[in-house]
């Protein structure tokens, strides 16, 4: 996988007021951390980090600090503003050559299933997989061909065999299935019957998330 360069400044002041100032000036505060060193508070350009977050692919990042240090990493966690959905904090996990690590990788489905042409309904139940691998084996995404799926067919985690990658999701987890339209209706009816009948309370504020 080709590395994407991301430049960052080391933050010497980590107060809340400074974090807010950074965001107003188009910078996103974050933390770089790894198993072999102390966490480093950083801030990155909002325009540089956005394409790496709002994407359907995983990226291997070369983080270049203003202290002339450089680290390989991935985006491990992102915190969003609950009102605007803008990025307000990012965690960057440092990678070490020869050491495995865990991450989430998006799934990409390919093909028009035979079962849909037969009148079935395509249900994608999993959009990301939890995997463990070496940094050199990081996939941008997991490809799954669903062209030959017929009515009643499904693909489970145990059906996937990917070289140099261990999938951590339970083996019996259904990833995608072609179901009969009637089955979907029955599931919807059952869900509606189990739904609470109390009226929804409008205007109740959500508890504010603790900021990193």
C-alpha atoms as a PDB file:
ATOM      1  CA  UNK A   1       0.000   0.000   0.000  1.00  0.00           C
ATOM      2  CA  UNK A   2       1.308   3.448  -0.907  1.00  0.00           C
ATOM      3  CA  UNK A   3       1.859   5.811   2.032  1.00  0.00           C
ATOM      4  CA  UNK A   4       0.008   9.095   2.300  1.00  0.00           C
ATOM      5  CA  UNK A   5       2.023  11.984   3.757  1.00  0.00           C
ATOM      6  CA  UNK A   6       0.355  13.920   6.568  1.00  0.00           C
ATOM      7  CA  UNK A   7       2.173  16.893   8.078  1.00  0.00           C
ATOM      8  CA  UNK A   8       1.592  17.820  11.726  1.00  0.00           C
ATOM      9  CA  UNK A   9       2.715  20.255  14.398  1.00  0.00           C
ATOM     10  CA  UNK A  10       3.610  19.103  17.901  1.00  0.00           C
ATOM     11  CA  UNK A  11       1.296  20.814  20.400  1.00  0.00           C
ATOM     12  CA  UNK A  12       3.099  22.233  23.418  1.00  0.00           C
ATOM     13  CA  UNK A  13      -0.085  23.685  24.907  1.00  0.00           C
ATOM     14  CA  UNK A  14      -2.958  21.206  25.334  1.00  0.00           C
ATOM     15  CA  UNK A  15      -5.550  23.415  27.034  1.00  0.00           C
ATOM     16  CA  UNK A  16      -9.164  23.360  25.886  1.00  0.00           C
ATOM     17  CA  UNK A  17      -9.054  27.018  24.826  1.00  0.00           C
ATOM     18  CA  UNK A  18      -6.099  26.356  22.538  1.00  0.00           C
ATOM     19  CA  UNK A  19      -7.825  23.338  20.996  1.00  0.00           C
ATOM     20  CA  UNK A  20     -10.804  25.547  20.181  1.00  0.00           C
ATOM     21  CA  UNK A  21      -8.476  28.185  18.691  1.00  0.00           C
ATOM     22  CA  UNK A  22      -6.882  25.517  16.497  1.00  0.00           C
ATOM     23  CA  UNK A  23     -10.251  24.394  15.155  1.00  0.00           C
ATOM     24  CA  UNK A  24     -11.287  27.953  14.348  1.00  0.00           C
ATOM     25  CA  UNK A  25      -8.096  28.250  12.302  1.00  0.00           C
ATOM     26  CA  UNK A  26      -8.632  25.059  10.318  1.00  0.00           C
ATOM     27  CA  UNK A  27      -6.422  22.799  12.456  1.00  0.00           C
ATOM     28  CA  UNK A  28      -7.552  19.543  14.103  1.00  0.00           C
ATOM     29  CA  UNK A  29      -5.991  18.501  17.431  1.00  0.00           C
ATOM     30  CA  UNK A  30      -5.008  14.894  17.884  1.00  0.00           C
ATOM     31  CA  UNK A  31      -2.731  12.380  19.574  1.00  0.00           C
ATOM     32  CA  UNK A  32      -0.061  10.146  18.073  1.00  0.00           C
ATOM     33  CA  UNK A  33       0.635   7.087  20.222  1.00  0.00           C
ATOM     34  CA  UNK A  34       2.426   3.761  19.935  1.00  0.00           C
ATOM     35  CA  UNK A  35       3.554   0.827  22.070  1.00  0.00           C
ATOM     36  CA  UNK A  36       7.144   2.023  22.125  1.00  0.00           C
ATOM     37  CA  UNK A  37       6.943   5.670  23.105  1.00  0.00           C
ATOM     38  CA  UNK A  38       5.095   8.401  24.942  1.00  0.00           C
ATOM     39  CA  UNK A  39       1.977   9.948  23.342  1.00  0.00           C
ATOM     40  CA  UNK A  40       2.634  13.066  21.272  1.00  0.00           C
ATOM     41  CA  UNK A  41      -0.074  15.776  21.098  1.00  0.00           C
ATOM     42  CA  UNK A  42      -0.285  17.042  17.520  1.00  0.00           C
ATOM     43  CA  UNK A  43      -2.476  19.158  15.265  1.00  0.00           C
ATOM     44  CA  UNK A  44      -3.075  18.645  11.558  1.00  0.00           C
ATOM     45  CA  UNK A  45      -4.576  20.619   8.706  1.00  0.00           C
ATOM     46  CA  UNK A  46      -8.322  20.001   8.443  1.00  0.00           C
ATOM     47  CA  UNK A  47      -8.133  19.882   4.629  1.00  0.00           C
ATOM     48  CA  UNK A  48      -5.413  17.207   4.773  1.00  0.00           C
ATOM     49  CA  UNK A  49      -7.123  14.947   7.303  1.00  0.00           C
ATOM     50  CA  UNK A  50     -10.657  15.114   5.847  1.00  0.00           C
ATOM     51  CA  UNK A  51      -9.937  12.924   2.764  1.00  0.00           C
ATOM     52  CA  UNK A  52      -8.359  10.307   5.035  1.00  0.00           C
ATOM     53  CA  UNK A  53     -11.424  10.152   7.292  1.00  0.00           C
ATOM     54  CA  UNK A  54     -14.344  10.615   4.903  1.00  0.00           C
ATOM     55  CA  UNK A  55     -13.454   7.654   2.691  1.00  0.00           C
ATOM     56  CA  UNK A  56     -14.260   3.991   2.136  1.00  0.00           C
ATOM     57  CA  UNK A  57     -10.593   2.965   2.195  1.00  0.00           C
ATOM     58  CA  UNK A  58      -7.875   2.475   4.805  1.00  0.00           C
ATOM     59  CA  UNK A  59      -4.710   4.541   4.429  1.00  0.00           C
ATOM     60  CA  UNK A  60      -1.165   3.943   5.633  1.00  0.00           C
ATOM     61  CA  UNK A  61       0.053   7.356   6.774  1.00  0.00           C
ATOM     62  CA  UNK A  62       3.556   8.787   6.965  1.00  0.00           C
ATOM     63  CA  UNK A  63       3.210  11.377   9.730  1.00  0.00           C
ATOM     64  CA  UNK A  64       5.799  14.147   9.360  1.00  0.00           C
ATOM     65  CA  UNK A  65       6.195  16.331  12.447  1.00  0.00           C
ATOM     66  CA  UNK A  66       7.596  19.851  12.545  1.00  0.00           C
ATOM     67  CA  UNK A  67      10.332  18.443  14.826  1.00  0.00           C
ATOM     68  CA  UNK A  68      11.709  16.540  11.783  1.00  0.00           C
ATOM     69  CA  UNK A  69      10.472  13.238  13.188  1.00  0.00           C
ATOM     70  CA  UNK A  70       8.527  10.839  10.966  1.00  0.00           C
ATOM     71  CA  UNK A  71       6.278   7.917  11.922  1.00  0.00           C
ATOM     72  CA  UNK A  72       4.185   5.341  10.086  1.00  0.00           C
ATOM     73  CA  UNK A  73       0.648   5.235  11.463  1.00  0.00           C
ATOM     74  CA  UNK A  74      -3.044   4.772  10.735  1.00  0.00           C
ATOM     75  CA  UNK A  75      -6.127   6.643  11.896  1.00  0.00           C
ATOM     76  CA  UNK A  76      -7.370   4.631  14.872  1.00  0.00           C
ATOM     77  CA  UNK A  77     -10.223   6.772  16.164  1.00  0.00           C
ATOM     78  CA  UNK A  78     -12.020   9.982  15.217  1.00  0.00           C
ATOM     79  CA  UNK A  79     -14.236  12.218  17.326  1.00  0.00           C
ATOM     80  CA  UNK A  80     -16.941  14.232  15.552  1.00  0.00           C
ATOM     81  CA  UNK A  81     -18.952  17.263  16.579  1.00  0.00           C
ATOM     82  CA  UNK A  82     -22.469  15.893  17.321  1.00  0.00           C
ATOM     83  CA  UNK A  83     -24.144  18.883  15.633  1.00  0.00           C
ATOM     84  CA  UNK A  84     -21.976  19.605  12.581  1.00  0.00           C
ATOM     85  CA  UNK A  85     -20.349  16.160  12.053  1.00  0.00           C
ATOM     86  CA  UNK A  86     -17.013  17.962  11.618  1.00  0.00           C
ATOM     87  CA  UNK A  87     -13.861  16.289  12.903  1.00  0.00           C
ATOM     88  CA  UNK A  88     -12.801  17.671  16.282  1.00  0.00           C
ATOM     89  CA  UNK A  89     -10.134  15.154  17.353  1.00  0.00           C
ATOM     90  CA  UNK A  90      -8.160  12.306  15.801  1.00  0.00           C
ATOM     91  CA  UNK A  91      -6.107   9.438  17.264  1.00  0.00           C
ATOM     92  CA  UNK A  92      -3.145   8.190  15.220  1.00  0.00           C
ATOM     93  CA  UNK A  93      -1.769   4.737  16.017  1.00  0.00           C
ATOM     94  CA  UNK A  94       1.947   4.245  15.384  1.00  0.00           C
ATOM     95  CA  UNK A  95       3.039   1.081  13.569  1.00  0.00           C
ATOM     96  CA  UNK A  96       6.209  -0.961  13.983  1.00  0.00           C
ATOM     97  CA  UNK A  97       7.620  -3.063  11.178  1.00  0.00           C
ATOM     98  CA  UNK A  98       7.333  -6.770  11.981  1.00  0.00           C
ATOM     99  CA  UNK A  99       4.653  -6.305  14.670  1.00  0.00           C
ATOM    100  CA  UNK A 100       1.012  -7.171  14.035  1.00  0.00           C
ATOM    101  CA  UNK A 101      -1.761  -4.809  15.066  1.00  0.00           C
ATOM    102  CA  UNK A 102      -5.543  -4.640  14.899  1.00  0.00           C
ATOM    103  CA  UNK A 103      -7.687  -2.316  12.798  1.00  0.00           C
ATOM    104  CA  UNK A 104     -11.018  -1.961  11.012  1.00  0.00           C
ATOM    105  CA  UNK A 105     -11.096  -2.278   7.241  1.00  0.00           C
ATOM    106  CA  UNK A 106     -14.088  -1.414   5.016  1.00  0.00           C
ATOM    107  CA  UNK A 107     -15.733  -4.019   2.794  1.00  0.00           C
ATOM    108  CA  UNK A 108     -16.402  -3.392  -0.883  1.00  0.00           C
ATOM    109  CA  UNK A 109     -18.989  -5.577  -2.637  1.00  0.00           C
ATOM    110  CA  UNK A 110     -18.729  -6.321  -6.348  1.00  0.00           C
ATOM    111  CA  UNK A 111     -21.235  -7.692  -8.853  1.00  0.00           C
ATOM    112  CA  UNK A 112     -24.999  -7.822  -9.329  1.00  0.00           C
ATOM    113  CA  UNK A 113     -26.282 -10.913  -7.486  1.00  0.00           C
ATOM    114  CA  UNK A 114     -28.248 -13.514  -9.406  1.00  0.00           C
ATOM    115  CA  UNK A 115     -30.651 -13.745  -6.472  1.00  0.00           C
ATOM    116  CA  UNK A 116     -31.712 -10.114  -6.831  1.00  0.00           C
ATOM    117  CA  UNK A 117     -32.664 -10.767 -10.462  1.00  0.00           C
ATOM    118  CA  UNK A 118     -34.725 -13.693  -9.139  1.00  0.00           C
ATOM    119  CA  UNK A 119     -36.694 -11.301  -6.943  1.00  0.00           C
ATOM    120  CA  UNK A 120     -34.619 -11.521  -3.777  1.00  0.00           C
ATOM    121  CA  UNK A 121     -33.470  -8.667  -1.555  1.00  0.00           C
ATOM    122  CA  UNK A 122     -29.800  -7.864  -1.007  1.00  0.00           C
ATOM    123  CA  UNK A 123     -29.016  -7.368   2.685  1.00  0.00           C
ATOM    124  CA  UNK A 124     -25.538  -6.140   3.637  1.00  0.00           C
ATOM    125  CA  UNK A 125     -25.208  -6.805   7.356  1.00  0.00           C
ATOM    126  CA  UNK A 126     -21.538  -5.944   7.808  1.00  0.00           C
ATOM    127  CA  UNK A 127     -19.686  -3.017   6.241  1.00  0.00           C
ATOM    128  CA  UNK A 128     -16.322  -3.332   8.018  1.00  0.00           C
ATOM    129  CA  UNK A 129     -14.171  -6.180   9.274  1.00  0.00           C
ATOM    130  CA  UNK A 130     -11.913  -6.283  12.327  1.00  0.00           C
ATOM    131  CA  UNK A 131      -8.564  -7.697  11.250  1.00  0.00           C
ATOM    132  CA  UNK A 132      -5.026  -8.275  12.516  1.00  0.00           C
ATOM    133  CA  UNK A 133      -2.010  -8.074  10.246  1.00  0.00           C
ATOM    134  CA  UNK A 134       1.488  -6.673   9.758  1.00  0.00           C
ATOM    135  CA  UNK A 135       1.837  -3.055   8.565  1.00  0.00           C
ATOM    136  CA  UNK A 136       3.084  -4.239   5.176  1.00  0.00           C
ATOM    137  CA  UNK A 137      -0.106  -6.298   4.665  1.00  0.00           C
ATOM    138  CA  UNK A 138      -2.678  -3.564   5.406  1.00  0.00           C
ATOM    139  CA  UNK A 139      -5.419  -3.732   2.746  1.00  0.00           C
ATOM    140  CA  UNK A 140      -7.191  -0.555   1.646  1.00  0.00           C
ATOM    141  CA  UNK A 141     -10.413  -2.568   1.701  1.00  0.00           C
ATOM    142  CA  UNK A 142     -11.721  -6.152   1.591  1.00  0.00           C
ATOM    143  CA  UNK A 143     -13.223  -7.153  -1.757  1.00  0.00           C
ATOM    144  CA  UNK A 144     -16.175  -9.568  -1.784  1.00  0.00           C
ATOM    145  CA  UNK A 145     -17.703 -10.806  -5.043  1.00  0.00           C
ATOM    146  CA  UNK A 146     -21.473 -11.292  -4.670  1.00  0.00           C
ATOM    147  CA  UNK A 147     -22.219 -11.935  -8.356  1.00  0.00           C
ATOM    148  CA  UNK A 148     -23.088 -15.629  -7.904  1.00  0.00           C
ATOM    149  CA  UNK A 149     -25.259 -15.300  -4.791  1.00  0.00           C
ATOM    150  CA  UNK A 150     -28.674 -16.874  -5.361  1.00  0.00           C
ATOM    151  CA  UNK A 151     -31.916 -16.482  -3.439  1.00  0.00           C
ATOM    152  CA  UNK A 152     -31.273 -17.832   0.064  1.00  0.00           C
ATOM    153  CA  UNK A 153     -27.474 -17.666  -0.250  1.00  0.00           C
ATOM    154  CA  UNK A 154     -25.258 -15.828   2.221  1.00  0.00           C
ATOM    155  CA  UNK A 155     -21.581 -15.160   2.928  1.00  0.00           C
ATOM    156  CA  UNK A 156     -20.206 -15.616   6.441  1.00  0.00           C
ATOM    157  CA  UNK A 157     -16.920 -14.476   7.922  1.00  0.00           C
ATOM    158  CA  UNK A 158     -15.735 -18.111   7.864  1.00  0.00           C
ATOM    159  CA  UNK A 159     -16.123 -18.126   4.060  1.00  0.00           C
ATOM    160  CA  UNK A 160     -13.344 -15.542   3.643  1.00  0.00           C
ATOM    161  CA  UNK A 161      -9.733 -16.600   3.333  1.00  0.00           C
ATOM    162  CA  UNK A 162      -7.315 -13.686   2.953  1.00  0.00           C
ATOM    163  CA  UNK A 163      -3.567 -14.258   2.798  1.00  0.00           C
ATOM    164  CA  UNK A 164      -1.523 -12.788   5.674  1.00  0.00           C
ATOM    165  CA  UNK A 165      -4.644 -11.419   7.399  1.00  0.00           C
ATOM    166  CA  UNK A 166      -6.541 -12.777  10.414  1.00  0.00           C
ATOM    167  CA  UNK A 167     -10.208 -11.790  10.609  1.00  0.00           C
ATOM    168  CA  UNK A 168     -11.265 -11.212  14.222  1.00  0.00           C
ATOM    169  CA  UNK A 169     -15.048 -11.131  13.797  1.00  0.00           C
ATOM    170  CA  UNK A 170     -16.913 -14.307  14.928  1.00  0.00           C
ATOM    171  CA  UNK A 171     -16.729 -16.911  12.166  1.00  0.00           C
ATOM    172  CA  UNK A 172     -20.511 -17.412  11.995  1.00  0.00           C
ATOM    173  CA  UNK A 173     -21.234 -13.696  11.443  1.00  0.00           C
ATOM    174  CA  UNK A 174     -23.285 -13.095   8.267  1.00  0.00           C
ATOM    175  CA  UNK A 175     -21.734 -10.422   6.051  1.00  0.00           C
ATOM    176  CA  UNK A 176     -24.215 -10.352   3.174  1.00  0.00           C
ATOM    177  CA  UNK A 177     -27.299 -12.359   2.200  1.00  0.00           C
ATOM    178  CA  UNK A 178     -29.978 -12.605  -0.480  1.00  0.00           C
ATOM    179  CA  UNK A 179     -33.299 -12.999   1.288  1.00  0.00           C
ATOM    180  CA  UNK A 180     -36.890 -13.486   0.135  1.00  0.00           C
ATOM    181  CA  UNK A 181     -38.899 -10.229   0.218  1.00  0.00           C
ATOM    182  CA  UNK A 182     -41.412 -11.893   2.547  1.00  0.00           C
ATOM    183  CA  UNK A 183     -38.671 -12.584   5.096  1.00  0.00           C
ATOM    184  CA  UNK A 184     -37.784  -8.893   5.165  1.00  0.00           C
ATOM    185  CA  UNK A 185     -41.448  -7.951   5.702  1.00  0.00           C
ATOM    186  CA  UNK A 186     -41.761 -10.439   8.571  1.00  0.00           C
ATOM    187  CA  UNK A 187     -38.643  -9.086  10.252  1.00  0.00           C
ATOM    188  CA  UNK A 188     -39.974  -5.523   9.957  1.00  0.00           C
ATOM    189  CA  UNK A 189     -43.348  -6.523  11.395  1.00  0.00           C
ATOM    190  CA  UNK A 190     -41.703  -8.329  14.297  1.00  0.00           C
ATOM    191  CA  UNK A 191     -39.500  -5.315  15.043  1.00  0.00           C
ATOM    192  CA  UNK A 192     -42.540  -3.016  15.001  1.00  0.00           C
ATOM    193  CA  UNK A 193     -44.423  -5.290  17.407  1.00  0.00           C
ATOM    194  CA  UNK A 194     -41.521  -5.237  19.860  1.00  0.00           C
ATOM    195  CA  UNK A 195     -41.036  -1.467  19.680  1.00  0.00           C
ATOM    196  CA  UNK A 196     -42.003   0.522  22.835  1.00  0.00           C
ATOM    197  CA  UNK A 197     -45.370   2.255  22.679  1.00  0.00           C
ATOM    198  CA  UNK A 198     -44.446   5.204  24.918  1.00  0.00           C
ATOM    199  CA  UNK A 199     -44.516   8.596  23.142  1.00  0.00           C
ATOM    200  CA  UNK A 200     -41.144   9.984  22.156  1.00  0.00           C
ATOM    201  CA  UNK A 201     -39.864  12.860  24.274  1.00  0.00           C
ATOM    202  CA  UNK A 202     -38.942  15.741  21.982  1.00  0.00           C
ATOM    203  CA  UNK A 203     -36.303  18.255  22.915  1.00  0.00           C
ATOM    204  CA  UNK A 204     -34.454  16.273  25.538  1.00  0.00           C
ATOM    205  CA  UNK A 205     -30.786  17.159  25.252  1.00  0.00           C
ATOM    206  CA  UNK A 206     -28.218  14.413  24.796  1.00  0.00           C
ATOM    207  CA  UNK A 207     -25.438  14.227  27.376  1.00  0.00           C
ATOM    208  CA  UNK A 208     -22.401  16.057  26.090  1.00  0.00           C
ATOM    209  CA  UNK A 209     -19.556  13.732  25.130  1.00  0.00           C
ATOM    210  CA  UNK A 210     -16.326  14.150  26.996  1.00  0.00           C
ATOM    211  CA  UNK A 211     -13.766  15.699  24.714  1.00  0.00           C
ATOM    212  CA  UNK A 212     -10.318  14.271  24.383  1.00  0.00           C
END
